[in-house]
Structures are given as C-alpha cells and as structure tokens.
Full PDB file with SEQRES, HELIX, SHEET, SSBOND, CRYST1, ORIGX, SCALE, CONECT and MASTER records, all heavy atoms in Angstrom:
SEQRES   1 A   33  ALA SER SER SER ILE LYS GLN PRO ILE HIS GLY LEU ILE          
SEQRES   2 A   33  LEU SER ASN THR PHE ARG LEU GLY ILE LEU GLY LEU ALA          
SEQRES   3 A   33  LYS SER LEU ALA GLU GLU LEU                                  
HELIX    1 AA1 SER A    3  ILE A    5  5                                   3    
HELIX    2 AA2 ILE A   13  GLU A   32  1                                  20    
CRYST1    1.000    1.000    1.000  90.00  90.00  90.00 P 1           1          
ORIGX1      1.000000  0.000000  0.000000        0.00000                         
ORIGX2      0.000000  1.000000  0.000000        0.00000                         
ORIGX3      0.000000  0.000000  1.000000        0.00000                         
SCALE1      1.000000  0.000000  0.000000        0.00000                         
SCALE2      0.000000  1.000000  0.000000        0.00000                         
SCALE3      0.000000  0.000000  1.000000        0.00000                         
ATOM      1  N   ALA A   1      80.361 101.590  81.841  1.00  0.00           N  
ATOM      2  CA  ALA A   1      81.703 101.282  81.342  1.00  0.00           C  
ATOM      3  C   ALA A   1      81.600 100.706  79.936  1.00  0.00           C  
ATOM      4  O   ALA A   1      81.160 101.380  79.013  1.00  0.00           O  
ATOM      5  CB  ALA A   1      82.409 100.324  82.303  1.00  0.00           C  
ATOM      6  N   SER A   2      81.976  99.470  79.761  1.00  0.00           N  
ATOM      7  CA  SER A   2      82.001  98.818  78.458  1.00  0.00           C  
ATOM      8  C   SER A   2      82.073  97.317  78.678  1.00  0.00           C  
ATOM      9  O   SER A   2      82.477  96.859  79.760  1.00  0.00           O  
ATOM     10  CB  SER A   2      83.220  99.290  77.656  1.00  0.00           C  
ATOM     11  OG  SER A   2      83.513  98.411  76.588  1.00  0.00           O  
ATOM     12  N   SER A   3      81.722  96.558  77.659  1.00  0.00           N  
ATOM     13  CA  SER A   3      81.879  95.103  77.771  1.00  0.00           C  
ATOM     14  C   SER A   3      83.343  94.704  77.932  1.00  0.00           C  
ATOM     15  O   SER A   3      83.648  93.571  78.317  1.00  0.00           O  
ATOM     16  CB  SER A   3      81.283  94.402  76.547  1.00  0.00           C  
ATOM     17  OG  SER A   3      81.965  94.779  75.361  1.00  0.00           O  
ATOM     18  N   SER A   4      84.260  95.643  77.713  1.00  0.00           N  
ATOM     19  CA  SER A   4      85.688  95.346  77.879  1.00  0.00           C  
ATOM     20  C   SER A   4      86.064  95.125  79.340  1.00  0.00           C  
ATOM     21  O   SER A   4      87.186  94.701  79.631  1.00  0.00           O  
ATOM     22  CB  SER A   4      86.547  96.466  77.290  1.00  0.00           C  
ATOM     23  OG  SER A   4      86.318  97.695  77.955  1.00  0.00           O  
ATOM     24  N   ILE A   5      85.152  95.373  80.284  1.00  0.00           N  
ATOM     25  CA  ILE A   5      85.438  95.033  81.689  1.00  0.00           C  
ATOM     26  C   ILE A   5      85.485  93.522  81.879  1.00  0.00           C  
ATOM     27  O   ILE A   5      85.990  93.033  82.885  1.00  0.00           O  
ATOM     28  CB  ILE A   5      84.411  95.653  82.655  1.00  0.00           C  
ATOM     29  CG1 ILE A   5      82.996  95.166  82.341  1.00  0.00           C  
ATOM     30  CG2 ILE A   5      84.511  97.167  82.650  1.00  0.00           C  
ATOM     31  CD1 ILE A   5      81.939  95.623  83.319  1.00  0.00           C  
ATOM     32  N   LYS A   6      84.953  92.768  80.911  1.00  0.00           N  
ATOM     33  CA  LYS A   6      84.988  91.309  80.968  1.00  0.00           C  
ATOM     34  C   LYS A   6      85.880  90.695  79.892  1.00  0.00           C  
ATOM     35  O   LYS A   6      86.435  89.623  80.079  1.00  0.00           O  
ATOM     36  CB  LYS A   6      83.572  90.751  80.805  1.00  0.00           C  
ATOM     37  CG  LYS A   6      82.620  91.107  81.927  1.00  0.00           C  
ATOM     38  CD  LYS A   6      82.974  90.367  83.217  1.00  0.00           C  
ATOM     39  CE  LYS A   6      81.906  90.589  84.279  1.00  0.00           C  
ATOM     40  NZ  LYS A   6      82.192  89.866  85.523  1.00  0.00           N  
ATOM     41  N   GLN A   7      86.000  91.390  78.761  1.00  0.00           N  
ATOM     42  CA  GLN A   7      86.770  90.848  77.640  1.00  0.00           C  
ATOM     43  C   GLN A   7      87.284  92.005  76.796  1.00  0.00           C  
ATOM     44  O   GLN A   7      86.486  92.784  76.274  1.00  0.00           O  
ATOM     45  CB  GLN A   7      85.859  89.946  76.800  1.00  0.00           C  
ATOM     46  CG  GLN A   7      86.537  89.294  75.599  1.00  0.00           C  
ATOM     47  CD  GLN A   7      85.590  88.297  74.949  1.00  0.00           C  
ATOM     48  OE1 GLN A   7      85.257  87.267  75.527  1.00  0.00           O  
ATOM     49  NE2 GLN A   7      85.121  88.614  73.749  1.00  0.00           N  
ATOM     50  N   PRO A   8      88.613  92.177  76.666  1.00  0.00           N  
ATOM     51  CA  PRO A   8      89.151  93.293  75.883  1.00  0.00           C  
ATOM     52  C   PRO A   8      88.614  93.306  74.452  1.00  0.00           C  
ATOM     53  O   PRO A   8      88.344  92.256  73.863  1.00  0.00           O  
ATOM     54  CB  PRO A   8      90.665  93.043  75.907  1.00  0.00           C  
ATOM     55  CG  PRO A   8      90.892  92.197  77.113  1.00  0.00           C  
ATOM     56  CD  PRO A   8      89.672  91.333  77.243  1.00  0.00           C  
ATOM     57  N   ILE A   9      88.471  94.510  73.919  1.00  0.00           N  
ATOM     58  CA  ILE A   9      87.963  94.687  72.559  1.00  0.00           C  
ATOM     59  C   ILE A   9      89.126  95.079  71.659  1.00  0.00           C  
ATOM     60  O   ILE A   9      89.849  96.046  71.936  1.00  0.00           O  
ATOM     61  CB  ILE A   9      86.876  95.767  72.516  1.00  0.00           C  
ATOM     62  CG1 ILE A   9      85.712  95.383  73.448  1.00  0.00           C  
ATOM     63  CG2 ILE A   9      86.371  95.970  71.084  1.00  0.00           C  
ATOM     64  CD1 ILE A   9      84.683  96.487  73.616  1.00  0.00           C  
ATOM     65  N   HIS A  10      89.307  94.337  70.573  1.00  0.00           N  
ATOM     66  CA  HIS A  10      90.417  94.620  69.660  1.00  0.00           C  
ATOM     67  C   HIS A  10      90.323  96.048  69.123  1.00  0.00           C  
ATOM     68  O   HIS A  10      89.252  96.506  68.727  1.00  0.00           O  
ATOM     69  CB  HIS A  10      90.400  93.637  68.492  1.00  0.00           C  
ATOM     70  CG  HIS A  10      91.468  93.920  67.478  1.00  0.00           C  
ATOM     71  ND1 HIS A  10      92.810  93.655  67.720  1.00  0.00           N  
ATOM     72  CD2 HIS A  10      91.405  94.468  66.227  1.00  0.00           C  
ATOM     73  CE1 HIS A  10      93.520  94.013  66.665  1.00  0.00           C  
ATOM     74  NE2 HIS A  10      92.688  94.507  65.748  1.00  0.00           N  
ATOM     75  N   GLY A  11      91.462  96.744  69.137  1.00  0.00           N  
ATOM     76  CA  GLY A  11      91.524  98.089  68.578  1.00  0.00           C  
ATOM     77  C   GLY A  11      91.004  99.178  69.488  1.00  0.00           C  
ATOM     78  O   GLY A  11      90.867 100.327  69.060  1.00  0.00           O  
ATOM     79  N   LEU A  12      90.756  98.859  70.746  1.00  0.00           N  
ATOM     80  CA  LEU A  12      90.271  99.868  71.699  1.00  0.00           C  
ATOM     81  C   LEU A  12      91.125  99.832  72.969  1.00  0.00           C  
ATOM     82  O   LEU A  12      90.617  99.690  74.073  1.00  0.00           O  
ATOM     83  CB  LEU A  12      88.799  99.626  72.054  1.00  0.00           C  
ATOM     84  CG  LEU A  12      87.770  99.867  70.967  1.00  0.00           C  
ATOM     85  CD1 LEU A  12      86.355  99.588  71.496  1.00  0.00           C  
ATOM     86  CD2 LEU A  12      87.846 101.304  70.443  1.00  0.00           C  
ATOM     87  N   ILE A  13      92.431  99.988  72.801  1.00  0.00           N  
ATOM     88  CA  ILE A  13      93.328  99.813  73.949  1.00  0.00           C  
ATOM     89  C   ILE A  13      93.103 100.862  75.029  1.00  0.00           C  
ATOM     90  O   ILE A  13      93.213 100.562  76.225  1.00  0.00           O  
ATOM     91  CB  ILE A  13      94.813  99.795  73.500  1.00  0.00           C  
ATOM     92  CG1 ILE A  13      95.679  99.317  74.673  1.00  0.00           C  
ATOM     93  CG2 ILE A  13      95.253 101.146  72.953  1.00  0.00           C  
ATOM     94  CD1 ILE A  13      97.089  98.964  74.278  1.00  0.00           C  
ATOM     95  N   LEU A  14      92.777 102.090  74.649  1.00  0.00           N  
ATOM     96  CA  LEU A  14      92.528 103.114  75.659  1.00  0.00           C  
ATOM     97  C   LEU A  14      91.303 102.742  76.499  1.00  0.00           C  
ATOM     98  O   LEU A  14      91.333 102.819  77.735  1.00  0.00           O  
ATOM     99  CB  LEU A  14      92.318 104.476  75.004  1.00  0.00           C  
ATOM    100  CG  LEU A  14      93.518 105.060  74.250  1.00  0.00           C  
ATOM    101  CD1 LEU A  14      93.127 106.392  73.608  1.00  0.00           C  
ATOM    102  CD2 LEU A  14      94.706 105.265  75.186  1.00  0.00           C  
ATOM    103  N   SER A  15      90.243 102.352  75.848  1.00  0.00           N  
ATOM    104  CA  SER A  15      89.031 101.945  76.561  1.00  0.00           C  
ATOM    105  C   SER A  15      89.296 100.707  77.416  1.00  0.00           C  
ATOM    106  O   SER A  15      88.896 100.646  78.588  1.00  0.00           O  
ATOM    107  CB  SER A  15      87.909 101.666  75.563  1.00  0.00           C  
ATOM    108  OG  SER A  15      86.725 101.259  76.225  1.00  0.00           O  
ATOM    109  N   ASN A  16      89.976  99.718  76.851  1.00  0.00           N  
ATOM    110  CA  ASN A  16      90.269  98.497  77.604  1.00  0.00           C  
ATOM    111  C   ASN A  16      91.006  98.796  78.902  1.00  0.00           C  
ATOM    112  O   ASN A  16      90.770  98.157  79.935  1.00  0.00           O  
ATOM    113  CB  ASN A  16      91.122  97.551  76.760  1.00  0.00           C  
ATOM    114  CG  ASN A  16      90.395  97.007  75.546  1.00  0.00           C  
ATOM    115  OD1 ASN A  16      89.181  97.001  75.486  1.00  0.00           O  
ATOM    116  ND2 ASN A  16      91.158  96.546  74.561  1.00  0.00           N  
ATOM    117  N   THR A  17      91.899  99.757  78.856  1.00  0.00           N  
ATOM    118  CA  THR A  17      92.721 100.090  80.027  1.00  0.00           C  
ATOM    119  C   THR A  17      91.927 100.813  81.100  1.00  0.00           C  
ATOM    120  O   THR A  17      91.905 100.409  82.267  1.00  0.00           O  
ATOM    121  CB  THR A  17      93.916 100.955  79.598  1.00  0.00           C  
ATOM    122  OG1 THR A  17      94.704 100.246  78.635  1.00  0.00           O  
ATOM    123  CG2 THR A  17      94.778 101.320  80.794  1.00  0.00           C  
ATOM    124  N   PHE A  18      91.234 101.866  80.723  1.00  0.00           N  
ATOM    125  CA  PHE A  18      90.603 102.717  81.729  1.00  0.00           C  
ATOM    126  C   PHE A  18      89.244 102.206  82.190  1.00  0.00           C  
ATOM    127  O   PHE A  18      88.823 102.503  83.314  1.00  0.00           O  
ATOM    128  CB  PHE A  18      90.533 104.160  81.219  1.00  0.00           C  
ATOM    129  CG  PHE A  18      91.901 104.758  81.066  1.00  0.00           C  
ATOM    130  CD1 PHE A  18      92.408 105.073  79.815  1.00  0.00           C  
ATOM    131  CD2 PHE A  18      92.711 104.965  82.166  1.00  0.00           C  
ATOM    132  CE1 PHE A  18      93.675 105.593  79.660  1.00  0.00           C  
ATOM    133  CE2 PHE A  18      93.987 105.492  82.035  1.00  0.00           C  
ATOM    134  CZ  PHE A  18      94.474 105.806  80.778  1.00  0.00           C  
ATOM    135  N   ARG A  19      88.558 101.413  81.365  1.00  0.00           N  
ATOM    136  CA  ARG A  19      87.304 100.817  81.838  1.00  0.00           C  
ATOM    137  C   ARG A  19      87.574  99.844  82.987  1.00  0.00           C  
ATOM    138  O   ARG A  19      86.780  99.735  83.920  1.00  0.00           O  
ATOM    139  CB  ARG A  19      86.601 100.074  80.712  1.00  0.00           C  
ATOM    140  CG  ARG A  19      86.292 100.879  79.477  1.00  0.00           C  
ATOM    141  CD  ARG A  19      85.391 102.060  79.708  1.00  0.00           C  
ATOM    142  NE  ARG A  19      84.873 102.565  78.443  1.00  0.00           N  
ATOM    143  CZ  ARG A  19      84.150 103.667  78.301  1.00  0.00           C  
ATOM    144  NH1 ARG A  19      83.859 104.403  79.363  1.00  0.00           N  
ATOM    145  NH2 ARG A  19      83.706 104.061  77.113  1.00  0.00           N  
ATOM    146  N   LEU A  20      88.689  99.130  82.927  1.00  0.00           N  
ATOM    147  CA  LEU A  20      89.033  98.244  84.038  1.00  0.00           C  
ATOM    148  C   LEU A  20      89.368  99.037  85.297  1.00  0.00           C  
ATOM    149  O   LEU A  20      89.140  98.568  86.412  1.00  0.00           O  
ATOM    150  CB  LEU A  20      90.195  97.333  83.652  1.00  0.00           C  
ATOM    151  CG  LEU A  20      89.819  96.143  82.775  1.00  0.00           C  
ATOM    152  CD1 LEU A  20      91.067  95.388  82.334  1.00  0.00           C  
ATOM    153  CD2 LEU A  20      88.889  95.197  83.512  1.00  0.00           C  
ATOM    154  N   GLY A  21      89.888 100.237  85.117  1.00  0.00           N  
ATOM    155  CA  GLY A  21      90.116 101.107  86.265  1.00  0.00           C  
ATOM    156  C   GLY A  21      88.812 101.456  86.963  1.00  0.00           C  
ATOM    157  O   GLY A  21      88.748 101.521  88.199  1.00  0.00           O  
ATOM    158  N   ILE A  22      87.764 101.677  86.191  1.00  0.00           N  
ATOM    159  CA  ILE A  22      86.442 101.950  86.761  1.00  0.00           C  
ATOM    160  C   ILE A  22      85.987 100.774  87.613  1.00  0.00           C  
ATOM    161  O   ILE A  22      85.452 100.960  88.715  1.00  0.00           O  
ATOM    162  CB  ILE A  22      85.417 102.215  85.635  1.00  0.00           C  
ATOM    163  CG1 ILE A  22      85.748 103.521  84.905  1.00  0.00           C  
ATOM    164  CG2 ILE A  22      83.994 102.246  86.192  1.00  0.00           C  
ATOM    165  CD1 ILE A  22      84.927 103.731  83.643  1.00  0.00           C  
ATOM    166  N   LEU A  23      86.212  99.580  87.116  1.00  0.00           N  
ATOM    167  CA  LEU A  23      85.782  98.385  87.844  1.00  0.00           C  
ATOM    168  C   LEU A  23      86.537  98.247  89.160  1.00  0.00           C  
ATOM    169  O   LEU A  23      85.951  97.937  90.203  1.00  0.00           O  
ATOM    170  CB  LEU A  23      85.986  97.147  86.974  1.00  0.00           C  
ATOM    171  CG  LEU A  23      85.449  95.830  87.524  1.00  0.00           C  
ATOM    172  CD1 LEU A  23      83.975  95.939  87.885  1.00  0.00           C  
ATOM    173  CD2 LEU A  23      85.675  94.718  86.518  1.00  0.00           C  
ATOM    174  N   GLY A  24      87.845  98.497  89.139  1.00  0.00           N  
ATOM    175  CA  GLY A  24      88.615  98.447  90.378  1.00  0.00           C  
ATOM    176  C   GLY A  24      88.156  99.495  91.379  1.00  0.00           C  
ATOM    177  O   GLY A  24      88.056  99.232  92.584  1.00  0.00           O  
ATOM    178  N   LEU A  25      87.862 100.690  90.873  1.00  0.00           N  
ATOM    179  CA  LEU A  25      87.343 101.762  91.728  1.00  0.00           C  
ATOM    180  C   LEU A  25      86.023 101.343  92.362  1.00  0.00           C  
ATOM    181  O   LEU A  25      85.817 101.509  93.579  1.00  0.00           O  
ATOM    182  CB  LEU A  25      87.155 103.024  90.887  1.00  0.00           C  
ATOM    183  CG  LEU A  25      86.448 104.203  91.545  1.00  0.00           C  
ATOM    184  CD1 LEU A  25      87.309 104.794  92.654  1.00  0.00           C  
ATOM    185  CD2 LEU A  25      86.110 105.273  90.499  1.00  0.00           C  
ATOM    186  N   ALA A  26      85.126 100.791  91.553  1.00  0.00           N  
ATOM    187  CA  ALA A  26      83.798 100.414  92.041  1.00  0.00           C  
ATOM    188  C   ALA A  26      83.879  99.314  93.091  1.00  0.00           C  
ATOM    189  O   ALA A  26      83.158  99.345  94.101  1.00  0.00           O  
ATOM    190  CB  ALA A  26      82.924  99.976  90.876  1.00  0.00           C  
ATOM    191  N   LYS A  27      84.740  98.331  92.859  1.00  0.00           N  
ATOM    192  CA  LYS A  27      84.896  97.240  93.830  1.00  0.00           C  
ATOM    193  C   LYS A  27      85.371  97.774  95.184  1.00  0.00           C  
ATOM    194  O   LYS A  27      84.887  97.355  96.239  1.00  0.00           O  
ATOM    195  CB  LYS A  27      85.891  96.213  93.301  1.00  0.00           C  
ATOM    196  CG  LYS A  27      85.321  95.248  92.279  1.00  0.00           C  
ATOM    197  CD  LYS A  27      84.403  94.241  92.935  1.00  0.00           C  
ATOM    198  CE  LYS A  27      83.978  93.154  91.965  1.00  0.00           C  
ATOM    199  NZ  LYS A  27      83.046  92.191  92.603  1.00  0.00           N  
ATOM    200  N   SER A  28      86.321  98.691  95.156  1.00  0.00           N  
ATOM    201  CA  SER A  28      86.836  99.267  96.395  1.00  0.00           C  
ATOM    202  C   SER A  28      85.774 100.114  97.091  1.00  0.00           C  
ATOM    203  O   SER A  28      85.582 100.032  98.309  1.00  0.00           O  
ATOM    204  CB  SER A  28      88.077 100.112  96.100  1.00  0.00           C  
ATOM    205  OG  SER A  28      89.113  99.322  95.562  1.00  0.00           O  
ATOM    206  N   LEU A  29      85.067 100.933  96.314  1.00  0.00           N  
ATOM    207  CA  LEU A  29      84.055 101.807  96.898  1.00  0.00           C  
ATOM    208  C   LEU A  29      82.886 101.022  97.483  1.00  0.00           C  
ATOM    209  O   LEU A  29      82.293 101.436  98.478  1.00  0.00           O  
ATOM    210  CB  LEU A  29      83.536 102.788  95.844  1.00  0.00           C  
ATOM    211  CG  LEU A  29      84.477 103.926  95.457  1.00  0.00           C  
ATOM    212  CD1 LEU A  29      83.879 104.739  94.317  1.00  0.00           C  
ATOM    213  CD2 LEU A  29      84.757 104.831  96.654  1.00  0.00           C  
ATOM    214  N   ALA A  30      82.544  99.909  96.843  1.00  0.00           N  
ATOM    215  CA  ALA A  30      81.434  99.105  97.358  1.00  0.00           C  
ATOM    216  C   ALA A  30      81.687  98.694  98.798  1.00  0.00           C  
ATOM    217  O   ALA A  30      80.770  98.709  99.634  1.00  0.00           O  
ATOM    218  CB  ALA A  30      81.232  97.877  96.469  1.00  0.00           C  
ATOM    219  N   GLU A  31      82.921  98.332  99.108  1.00  0.00           N  
ATOM    220  CA  GLU A  31      83.266  97.945 100.478  1.00  0.00           C  
ATOM    221  C   GLU A  31      83.314  99.156 101.398  1.00  0.00           C  
ATOM    222  O   GLU A  31      82.771  99.148 102.506  1.00  0.00           O  
ATOM    223  CB  GLU A  31      84.604  97.220 100.499  1.00  0.00           C  
ATOM    224  CG  GLU A  31      85.026  96.770 101.889  1.00  0.00           C  
ATOM    225  CD  GLU A  31      86.346  96.022 101.893  1.00  0.00           C  
ATOM    226  OE1 GLU A  31      87.001  95.966 100.839  1.00  0.00           O  
ATOM    227  OE2 GLU A  31      86.702  95.495 102.958  1.00  0.00           O  
ATOM    228  N   GLU A  32      83.937 100.235 100.927  1.00  0.00           N  
ATOM    229  CA  GLU A  32      84.106 101.414 101.769  1.00  0.00           C  
ATOM    230  C   GLU A  32      82.782 102.103 102.092  1.00  0.00           C  
ATOM    231  O   GLU A  32      82.610 102.667 103.181  1.00  0.00           O  
ATOM    232  CB  GLU A  32      85.048 102.407 101.081  1.00  0.00           C  
ATOM    233  CG  GLU A  32      86.484 101.931 100.968  1.00  0.00           C  
ATOM    234  CD  GLU A  32      87.386 102.967 100.302  1.00  0.00           C  
ATOM    235  OE1 GLU A  32      86.976 104.141 100.216  1.00  0.00           O  
ATOM    236  OE2 GLU A  32      88.491 102.594  99.866  1.00  0.00           O  
ATOM    237  N   LEU A  33      81.857 102.096 101.140  1.00  0.00           N  
ATOM    238  CA  LEU A  33      80.624 102.876 101.299  1.00  0.00           C  
ATOM    239  C   LEU A  33      79.446 102.059 101.803  1.00  0.00           C  
ATOM    240  O   LEU A  33      78.392 102.628 102.121  1.00  0.00           O  
ATOM    241  CB  LEU A  33      80.258 103.541  99.969  1.00  0.00           C  
ATOM    242  CG  LEU A  33      81.303 104.509  99.414  1.00  0.00           C  
ATOM    243  CD1 LEU A  33      80.824 105.111  98.102  1.00  0.00           C  
ATOM    244  CD2 LEU A  33      81.613 105.613 100.421  1.00  0.00           C  
TER     245      LEU A  33                                                      
MASTER        0    0    0    2    0    0    0    6  244    1    0    3          
END                                                                             
C-alpha cells in the first residue's frame, strides 16, 4: 500500500482514499481466512 495507511500524504488524495480501502479489506480477510 503506502505510508498513507497511517498518515495521509498531502497532494495524494486518490492514494489516501484507496490505500485505506486496502487496509479495511485486509483486516476483514484476516479474520475470515
């Protein structure tokens, strides 16, 4: 992903948004799998 999973990066709003989606996906999958 990116360091933006912990702290948003100025000027990278697209990355800031979707990298956090990866983290939410991973957290859910960790439990399911």
